[in-house]
Structures are given as C-alpha cells and as structure tokens.
C-alpha cells in the first residue's frame, strides 16, 4: 500500500493499469459497510452482497482504485 501525499486524481484512473482490486477482510462487513458509507465512502451497490464464499462490497477510492471488502462464510473460517 502507498500513502500518496499528492492531490487525488478526482476518481480518474492513472495511466498505469492496476492488476486488480485490493481485498480487505472484515469480521462484520455489514457493520463496517454502514460506518464507511456514513463517512462518505462510495460503494458500487447500495448494500453488501451475499455470495457462496461470504459477503462482499466494493468501493472506489478517489484515484479510481477498486477496494473490495469481504467477510468469509462461516464454513471458511478456522473458528466455524
């Protein structure tokens, strides 16, 4: 990860191609989604989506980078 000290690209992707989204895992994605949305994070869908592997939500940062948030299904965790 890079902390960029310059101005954001106003949502426009740069000239380089990113290989894919950054994935961040959550233990409670629905709660984290609400906090982030309330703080102004733009998501591609109005609510997290359920998939066979768990729950997913995707946001885009000001530079156009995709950030995918996910919560693993209970059957995938070492606890469950």
N, C-alpha and C. Protein backbone atom coordinates (compact mmCIF):
# COMPACT_ATOMS: atom_id res chain seq x y z
N UNK A 1 0.85 -1.17 0.00
CA UNK A 1 0.00 0.00 0.00
C UNK A 1 0.89 1.23 0.00
N UNK A 2 0.40 2.26 -0.63
CA UNK A 2 1.14 3.50 -0.71
C UNK A 2 0.27 4.62 -0.18
N UNK A 3 0.82 5.45 0.68
CA UNK A 3 0.14 6.66 1.10
C UNK A 3 0.65 7.77 0.20
N UNK A 4 -0.22 8.29 -0.64
CA UNK A 4 0.15 9.25 -1.67
C UNK A 4 -0.02 10.66 -1.13
N UNK A 5 1.06 11.47 -1.05
CA UNK A 5 0.98 12.79 -0.47
C UNK A 5 0.44 13.86 -1.41
N UNK A 6 0.13 13.51 -2.65
CA UNK A 6 -0.33 14.49 -3.64
C UNK A 6 -1.85 14.47 -3.75
N UNK A 7 -2.39 15.41 -4.48
CA UNK A 7 -3.84 15.51 -4.66
C UNK A 7 -4.38 14.26 -5.36
N UNK A 8 -5.61 13.90 -5.02
CA UNK A 8 -6.27 12.76 -5.65
C UNK A 8 -6.53 13.07 -7.11
N UNK A 9 -6.70 12.03 -7.91
CA UNK A 9 -6.94 12.19 -9.34
C UNK A 9 -8.42 12.36 -9.66
N UNK A 10 -9.19 12.79 -8.70
CA UNK A 10 -10.62 13.07 -8.88
C UNK A 10 -11.37 11.87 -9.48
N UNK A 11 -11.01 10.67 -9.02
CA UNK A 11 -11.71 9.48 -9.47
C UNK A 11 -11.29 8.97 -10.82
N UNK A 12 -10.29 9.59 -11.43
CA UNK A 12 -9.83 9.16 -12.75
C UNK A 12 -8.66 8.20 -12.60
N UNK A 13 -8.73 7.01 -13.21
CA UNK A 13 -7.61 6.08 -13.12
C UNK A 13 -6.35 6.67 -13.74
N UNK A 14 -5.21 6.28 -13.22
CA UNK A 14 -3.94 6.76 -13.74
C UNK A 14 -3.60 6.11 -15.08
N UNK A 15 -2.41 6.38 -15.57
CA UNK A 15 -2.00 5.83 -16.86
C UNK A 15 -1.54 4.39 -16.74
N UNK A 16 -1.23 3.93 -15.53
CA UNK A 16 -0.84 2.54 -15.35
C UNK A 16 -2.07 1.70 -15.04
N UNK A 17 -1.99 0.44 -15.37
CA UNK A 17 -3.11 -0.46 -15.14
C UNK A 17 -2.87 -1.25 -13.87
N UNK A 18 -3.80 -1.19 -12.95
CA UNK A 18 -3.70 -1.95 -11.71
C UNK A 18 -4.09 -3.39 -11.99
N UNK A 19 -3.40 -4.37 -11.37
CA UNK A 19 -3.71 -5.76 -11.64
C UNK A 19 -5.06 -6.21 -11.10
N UNK A 20 -5.63 -5.50 -10.17
CA UNK A 20 -6.92 -5.89 -9.61
C UNK A 20 -7.18 -5.12 -8.34
N UNK A 21 -8.29 -5.41 -7.71
CA UNK A 21 -8.65 -4.67 -6.50
C UNK A 21 -7.81 -5.09 -5.30
N UNK A 22 -7.77 -4.21 -4.33
CA UNK A 22 -7.22 -4.54 -3.02
C UNK A 22 -8.34 -5.23 -2.26
N UNK A 23 -8.05 -6.34 -1.59
CA UNK A 23 -9.06 -7.05 -0.80
C UNK A 23 -8.78 -6.81 0.68
N UNK A 24 -9.80 -6.40 1.40
CA UNK A 24 -9.73 -6.23 2.84
C UNK A 24 -10.78 -7.13 3.47
N UNK A 25 -10.39 -7.88 4.48
CA UNK A 25 -11.33 -8.79 5.14
C UNK A 25 -11.89 -8.15 6.40
N UNK A 26 -13.11 -8.52 6.71
CA UNK A 26 -13.83 -7.98 7.86
C UNK A 26 -14.48 -9.12 8.63
N UNK A 27 -14.58 -8.96 9.93
CA UNK A 27 -15.32 -9.93 10.74
C UNK A 27 -16.81 -9.60 10.78
N UNK A 28 -17.16 -8.33 10.47
CA UNK A 28 -18.56 -7.90 10.44
C UNK A 28 -18.71 -6.88 9.32
N UNK A 29 -18.78 -7.37 8.10
CA UNK A 29 -18.79 -6.49 6.94
C UNK A 29 -20.00 -5.56 6.90
N UNK A 30 -21.15 -6.05 7.29
CA UNK A 30 -22.34 -5.19 7.24
C UNK A 30 -22.19 -3.98 8.16
N UNK A 31 -21.64 -4.17 9.34
CA UNK A 31 -21.41 -3.05 10.27
C UNK A 31 -20.34 -2.11 9.72
N UNK A 32 -19.25 -2.68 9.20
CA UNK A 32 -18.18 -1.85 8.63
C UNK A 32 -18.69 -1.07 7.42
N UNK A 33 -19.54 -1.70 6.60
CA UNK A 33 -20.11 -1.05 5.43
C UNK A 33 -20.90 0.19 5.85
N UNK A 34 -21.72 0.06 6.88
CA UNK A 34 -22.53 1.20 7.35
C UNK A 34 -21.65 2.35 7.83
N UNK A 35 -20.62 2.02 8.59
CA UNK A 35 -19.71 3.06 9.09
C UNK A 35 -19.04 3.78 7.93
N UNK A 36 -18.50 3.02 6.98
CA UNK A 36 -17.80 3.63 5.85
C UNK A 36 -18.75 4.43 4.97
N UNK A 37 -19.93 3.89 4.71
CA UNK A 37 -20.92 4.62 3.89
C UNK A 37 -21.32 5.92 4.58
N UNK A 38 -21.54 5.87 5.90
CA UNK A 38 -21.91 7.08 6.64
C UNK A 38 -20.79 8.13 6.62
N UNK A 39 -19.57 7.67 6.42
CA UNK A 39 -18.42 8.60 6.35
C UNK A 39 -18.15 9.07 4.92
N UNK A 40 -19.01 8.67 3.99
CA UNK A 40 -18.91 9.17 2.63
C UNK A 40 -18.19 8.29 1.62
N UNK A 41 -17.87 7.06 1.98
CA UNK A 41 -17.21 6.15 1.03
C UNK A 41 -18.23 5.73 -0.02
N UNK A 42 -17.92 5.92 -1.30
CA UNK A 42 -18.85 5.50 -2.36
C UNK A 42 -18.69 4.01 -2.67
N UNK A 43 -19.78 3.28 -2.64
CA UNK A 43 -19.79 1.85 -2.96
C UNK A 43 -20.49 1.65 -4.29
N UNK A 44 -20.20 0.53 -4.96
CA UNK A 44 -20.81 0.25 -6.25
C UNK A 44 -22.25 -0.24 -6.14
N UNK A 45 -22.65 -0.69 -4.97
CA UNK A 45 -24.02 -1.17 -4.73
C UNK A 45 -24.51 -0.57 -3.41
N UNK A 46 -25.84 -0.45 -3.24
CA UNK A 46 -26.37 0.16 -2.02
C UNK A 46 -26.18 -0.67 -0.76
N UNK A 47 -25.95 -1.97 -0.90
CA UNK A 47 -25.77 -2.87 0.26
C UNK A 47 -24.75 -3.95 -0.09
N UNK A 48 -24.10 -4.55 0.90
CA UNK A 48 -23.21 -5.68 0.64
C UNK A 48 -24.00 -6.83 0.00
N UNK A 49 -23.30 -7.65 -0.77
CA UNK A 49 -23.94 -8.78 -1.45
C UNK A 49 -23.49 -10.10 -0.85
N UNK A 50 -24.44 -11.04 -0.77
CA UNK A 50 -24.14 -12.38 -0.29
C UNK A 50 -23.71 -13.25 -1.45
N UNK A 51 -22.63 -14.00 -1.24
CA UNK A 51 -22.12 -14.95 -2.22
C UNK A 51 -21.87 -16.26 -1.50
N UNK A 52 -21.57 -17.31 -2.25
CA UNK A 52 -21.29 -18.61 -1.65
C UNK A 52 -20.10 -18.59 -0.71
N UNK A 53 -19.15 -17.69 -0.97
CA UNK A 53 -17.95 -17.62 -0.14
C UNK A 53 -18.12 -16.67 1.04
N UNK A 54 -19.20 -15.90 1.07
CA UNK A 54 -19.41 -14.95 2.17
C UNK A 54 -20.15 -13.72 1.72
N UNK A 55 -19.71 -12.57 2.21
CA UNK A 55 -20.35 -11.29 1.91
C UNK A 55 -19.30 -10.39 1.26
N UNK A 56 -19.72 -9.56 0.30
CA UNK A 56 -18.80 -8.72 -0.43
C UNK A 56 -19.39 -7.33 -0.68
N UNK A 57 -18.51 -6.32 -0.67
CA UNK A 57 -18.87 -4.96 -1.06
C UNK A 57 -17.65 -4.37 -1.76
N UNK A 58 -17.88 -3.49 -2.72
CA UNK A 58 -16.75 -2.89 -3.43
C UNK A 58 -16.90 -1.38 -3.48
N UNK A 59 -15.78 -0.71 -3.20
CA UNK A 59 -15.72 0.75 -3.22
C UNK A 59 -14.65 1.17 -4.23
N UNK A 60 -14.66 2.45 -4.58
CA UNK A 60 -13.64 3.02 -5.45
C UNK A 60 -13.06 4.23 -4.73
N UNK A 61 -11.72 4.28 -4.63
CA UNK A 61 -11.10 5.43 -3.96
C UNK A 61 -11.05 6.62 -4.92
N UNK A 62 -10.64 7.80 -4.44
CA UNK A 62 -10.63 9.00 -5.30
C UNK A 62 -9.76 8.88 -6.54
N UNK A 63 -8.81 7.94 -6.56
CA UNK A 63 -7.96 7.76 -7.73
C UNK A 63 -8.47 6.68 -8.68
N UNK A 64 -9.63 6.11 -8.39
CA UNK A 64 -10.21 5.09 -9.26
C UNK A 64 -9.79 3.67 -8.95
N UNK A 65 -9.07 3.46 -7.85
CA UNK A 65 -8.67 2.11 -7.46
C UNK A 65 -9.83 1.39 -6.79
N UNK A 66 -10.02 0.12 -7.16
CA UNK A 66 -11.10 -0.67 -6.56
C UNK A 66 -10.63 -1.26 -5.24
N UNK A 67 -11.49 -1.18 -4.24
CA UNK A 67 -11.22 -1.77 -2.93
C UNK A 67 -12.38 -2.69 -2.62
N UNK A 68 -12.08 -3.98 -2.53
CA UNK A 68 -13.10 -4.98 -2.30
C UNK A 68 -13.05 -5.43 -0.84
N UNK A 69 -14.18 -5.29 -0.17
CA UNK A 69 -14.29 -5.70 1.22
C UNK A 69 -15.03 -7.02 1.27
N UNK A 70 -14.56 -7.93 2.09
CA UNK A 70 -15.26 -9.21 2.15
C UNK A 70 -15.23 -9.78 3.56
N UNK A 71 -16.23 -10.61 3.81
CA UNK A 71 -16.33 -11.37 5.05
C UNK A 71 -16.51 -12.82 4.63
N UNK A 72 -15.63 -13.66 5.07
CA UNK A 72 -15.70 -15.06 4.69
C UNK A 72 -16.93 -15.74 5.30
N UNK A 73 -17.43 -16.72 4.57
CA UNK A 73 -18.55 -17.53 5.10
C UNK A 73 -18.06 -18.29 6.31
N UNK A 74 -18.97 -18.60 7.22
CA UNK A 74 -18.62 -19.30 8.45
C UNK A 74 -17.90 -20.62 8.17
N UNK A 75 -18.27 -21.32 7.11
CA UNK A 75 -17.64 -22.61 6.80
C UNK A 75 -16.18 -22.45 6.37
N UNK A 76 -15.76 -21.22 6.00
CA UNK A 76 -14.39 -20.99 5.58
C UNK A 76 -13.48 -20.57 6.72
N UNK A 77 -14.04 -20.10 7.80
CA UNK A 77 -13.20 -19.62 8.90
C UNK A 77 -12.69 -20.79 9.72
N UNK A 78 -11.55 -20.58 10.35
CA UNK A 78 -10.98 -21.62 11.19
C UNK A 78 -11.78 -21.80 12.48
N UNK A 79 -12.62 -20.78 12.80
CA UNK A 79 -13.43 -20.83 14.01
C UNK A 79 -14.70 -21.65 13.82
N UNK A 80 -15.23 -21.68 12.54
CA UNK A 80 -16.54 -22.24 12.33
C UNK A 80 -16.59 -23.49 11.65
